[in-house]
């Protein structure tokens, strides 16, 4: 009977060791998966970084679209509005009509 009881304790001890090893492996697997999901190439941190970059690029696209619309409007005005053409020529290039004089004052 003592031998049977000793054998039973050894079996129970082996079962406990196997369970401990099994749960340790499972736990380490979950830890590895969690670390990969957070810090990996396609992890959470990379996702957040890419979302910020996407938002920044979308803002740049909107700004460029707005600037393009302003330039289109200016081109249309230059093509169609003679007063705007004259204003642009006077301000940008310092042009004047033949009977006009231009006075410039330098801020020194």
Protein backbone atom coordinates (compact mmCIF):
# COMPACT_ATOMS: atom_id res chain seq x y z
CA UNK A 1 0.00 0.00 0.00
CA UNK A 2 2.87 2.35 0.76
CA UNK A 3 4.28 1.63 -2.67
CA UNK A 4 0.92 2.35 -4.29
CA UNK A 5 0.62 5.64 -2.39
CA UNK A 6 4.18 6.64 -3.36
CA UNK A 7 3.48 5.87 -7.01
CA UNK A 8 0.30 7.93 -6.85
CA UNK A 9 2.25 10.92 -5.41
CA UNK A 10 4.80 10.64 -8.22
CA UNK A 11 2.04 10.58 -10.86
CA UNK A 12 0.31 13.56 -9.28
CA UNK A 13 3.65 15.39 -9.12
CA UNK A 14 4.33 14.65 -12.82
CA UNK A 15 0.85 15.85 -13.79
CA UNK A 16 1.41 19.10 -11.84
CA UNK A 17 4.78 19.63 -13.56
CA UNK A 18 3.23 19.04 -16.99
CA UNK A 19 0.39 21.45 -16.22
CA UNK A 20 2.87 24.03 -14.97
CA UNK A 21 4.96 23.67 -18.15
CA UNK A 22 1.84 23.82 -20.34
CA UNK A 23 0.50 26.97 -18.66
CA UNK A 24 3.96 28.56 -18.71
CA UNK A 25 4.24 27.96 -22.46
CA UNK A 26 0.72 29.33 -23.01
CA UNK A 27 1.49 32.38 -20.86
CA UNK A 28 4.75 33.05 -22.71
CA UNK A 29 2.88 32.71 -26.02
CA UNK A 30 0.33 35.29 -24.92
CA UNK A 31 3.07 37.62 -23.73
CA UNK A 32 4.82 37.28 -27.10
CA UNK A 33 1.57 38.00 -28.97
CA UNK A 34 0.84 41.03 -26.80
CA UNK A 35 4.32 42.45 -27.36
CA UNK A 36 4.02 41.83 -31.11
CA UNK A 37 0.62 43.53 -31.24
CA UNK A 38 1.95 46.59 -29.45
CA UNK A 39 5.54 46.97 -30.62
CA UNK A 40 5.73 44.94 -33.85
CA UNK A 41 6.06 46.20 -37.42
CA UNK A 42 2.29 46.18 -37.77
CA UNK A 43 1.62 46.87 -34.11
CA UNK A 44 -0.39 49.45 -32.26
CA UNK A 45 2.42 52.01 -32.01
CA UNK A 46 3.08 51.82 -35.76
CA UNK A 47 -0.65 52.18 -36.40
CA UNK A 48 -0.84 55.34 -34.29
CA UNK A 49 2.24 56.76 -36.03
CA UNK A 50 0.78 56.05 -39.47
CA UNK A 51 -2.55 57.61 -38.47
CA UNK A 52 -0.77 60.81 -37.43
CA UNK A 53 1.14 60.85 -40.71
CA UNK A 54 -2.09 60.29 -42.65
CA UNK A 55 -3.81 63.18 -40.86
CA UNK A 56 -0.83 65.44 -41.55
CA UNK A 57 -0.84 64.53 -45.25
CA UNK A 58 -4.59 65.09 -45.48
CA UNK A 59 -4.14 68.57 -43.98
CA UNK A 60 -1.42 69.29 -46.54
CA UNK A 61 -3.67 68.12 -49.37
CA UNK A 62 -6.48 70.39 -48.17
CA UNK A 63 -4.11 73.35 -47.94
CA UNK A 64 -2.79 72.68 -51.44
CA UNK A 65 -6.33 72.35 -52.82
CA UNK A 66 -7.21 75.69 -51.23
CA UNK A 67 -4.07 77.27 -52.69
CA UNK A 68 -4.87 75.77 -56.12
CA UNK A 69 -8.36 77.24 -55.98
CA UNK A 70 -6.91 80.67 -55.16
CA UNK A 71 -4.49 80.38 -58.06
CA UNK A 72 -7.29 79.31 -60.41
CA UNK A 73 -9.30 82.31 -59.28
CA UNK A 74 -6.33 84.62 -59.87
CA UNK A 75 -5.72 83.12 -63.34
CA UNK A 76 -9.37 83.58 -64.22
CA UNK A 77 -9.22 87.21 -63.04
CA UNK A 78 -6.05 87.83 -65.06
CA UNK A 79 -7.67 86.38 -68.19
CA UNK A 80 -11.03 88.10 -67.91
CA UNK A 81 -10.77 91.27 -65.80
CA UNK A 82 -8.79 94.13 -67.40
CA UNK A 83 -8.75 96.14 -64.16
CA UNK A 84 -7.19 93.23 -62.29
CA UNK A 85 -4.58 92.87 -65.05
CA UNK A 86 -3.66 96.51 -64.69
CA UNK A 87 -3.55 96.30 -60.90
CA UNK A 88 -1.35 93.21 -61.06
CA UNK A 89 1.01 94.83 -63.60
CA UNK A 90 1.32 97.95 -61.47
CA UNK A 91 1.89 96.14 -58.16
CA UNK A 92 4.06 93.23 -59.27
CA UNK A 93 6.11 94.75 -62.05
CA UNK A 94 6.05 98.47 -61.26
CA UNK A 95 4.56 99.32 -64.66
CA UNK A 96 2.78 102.56 -65.39
CA UNK A 97 0.95 104.22 -68.24
CA UNK A 98 2.97 106.46 -70.56
CA UNK A 99 1.69 109.68 -68.95
CA UNK A 100 2.25 108.58 -65.33
CA UNK A 101 5.19 108.88 -62.96
CA UNK A 102 6.03 106.37 -60.26
CA UNK A 103 7.45 107.54 -56.96
CA UNK A 104 9.07 104.92 -54.74
CA UNK A 105 10.09 105.43 -51.17
CA UNK A 106 12.57 103.04 -49.61
CA UNK A 107 12.16 102.23 -45.93
CA UNK A 108 15.66 102.56 -44.56
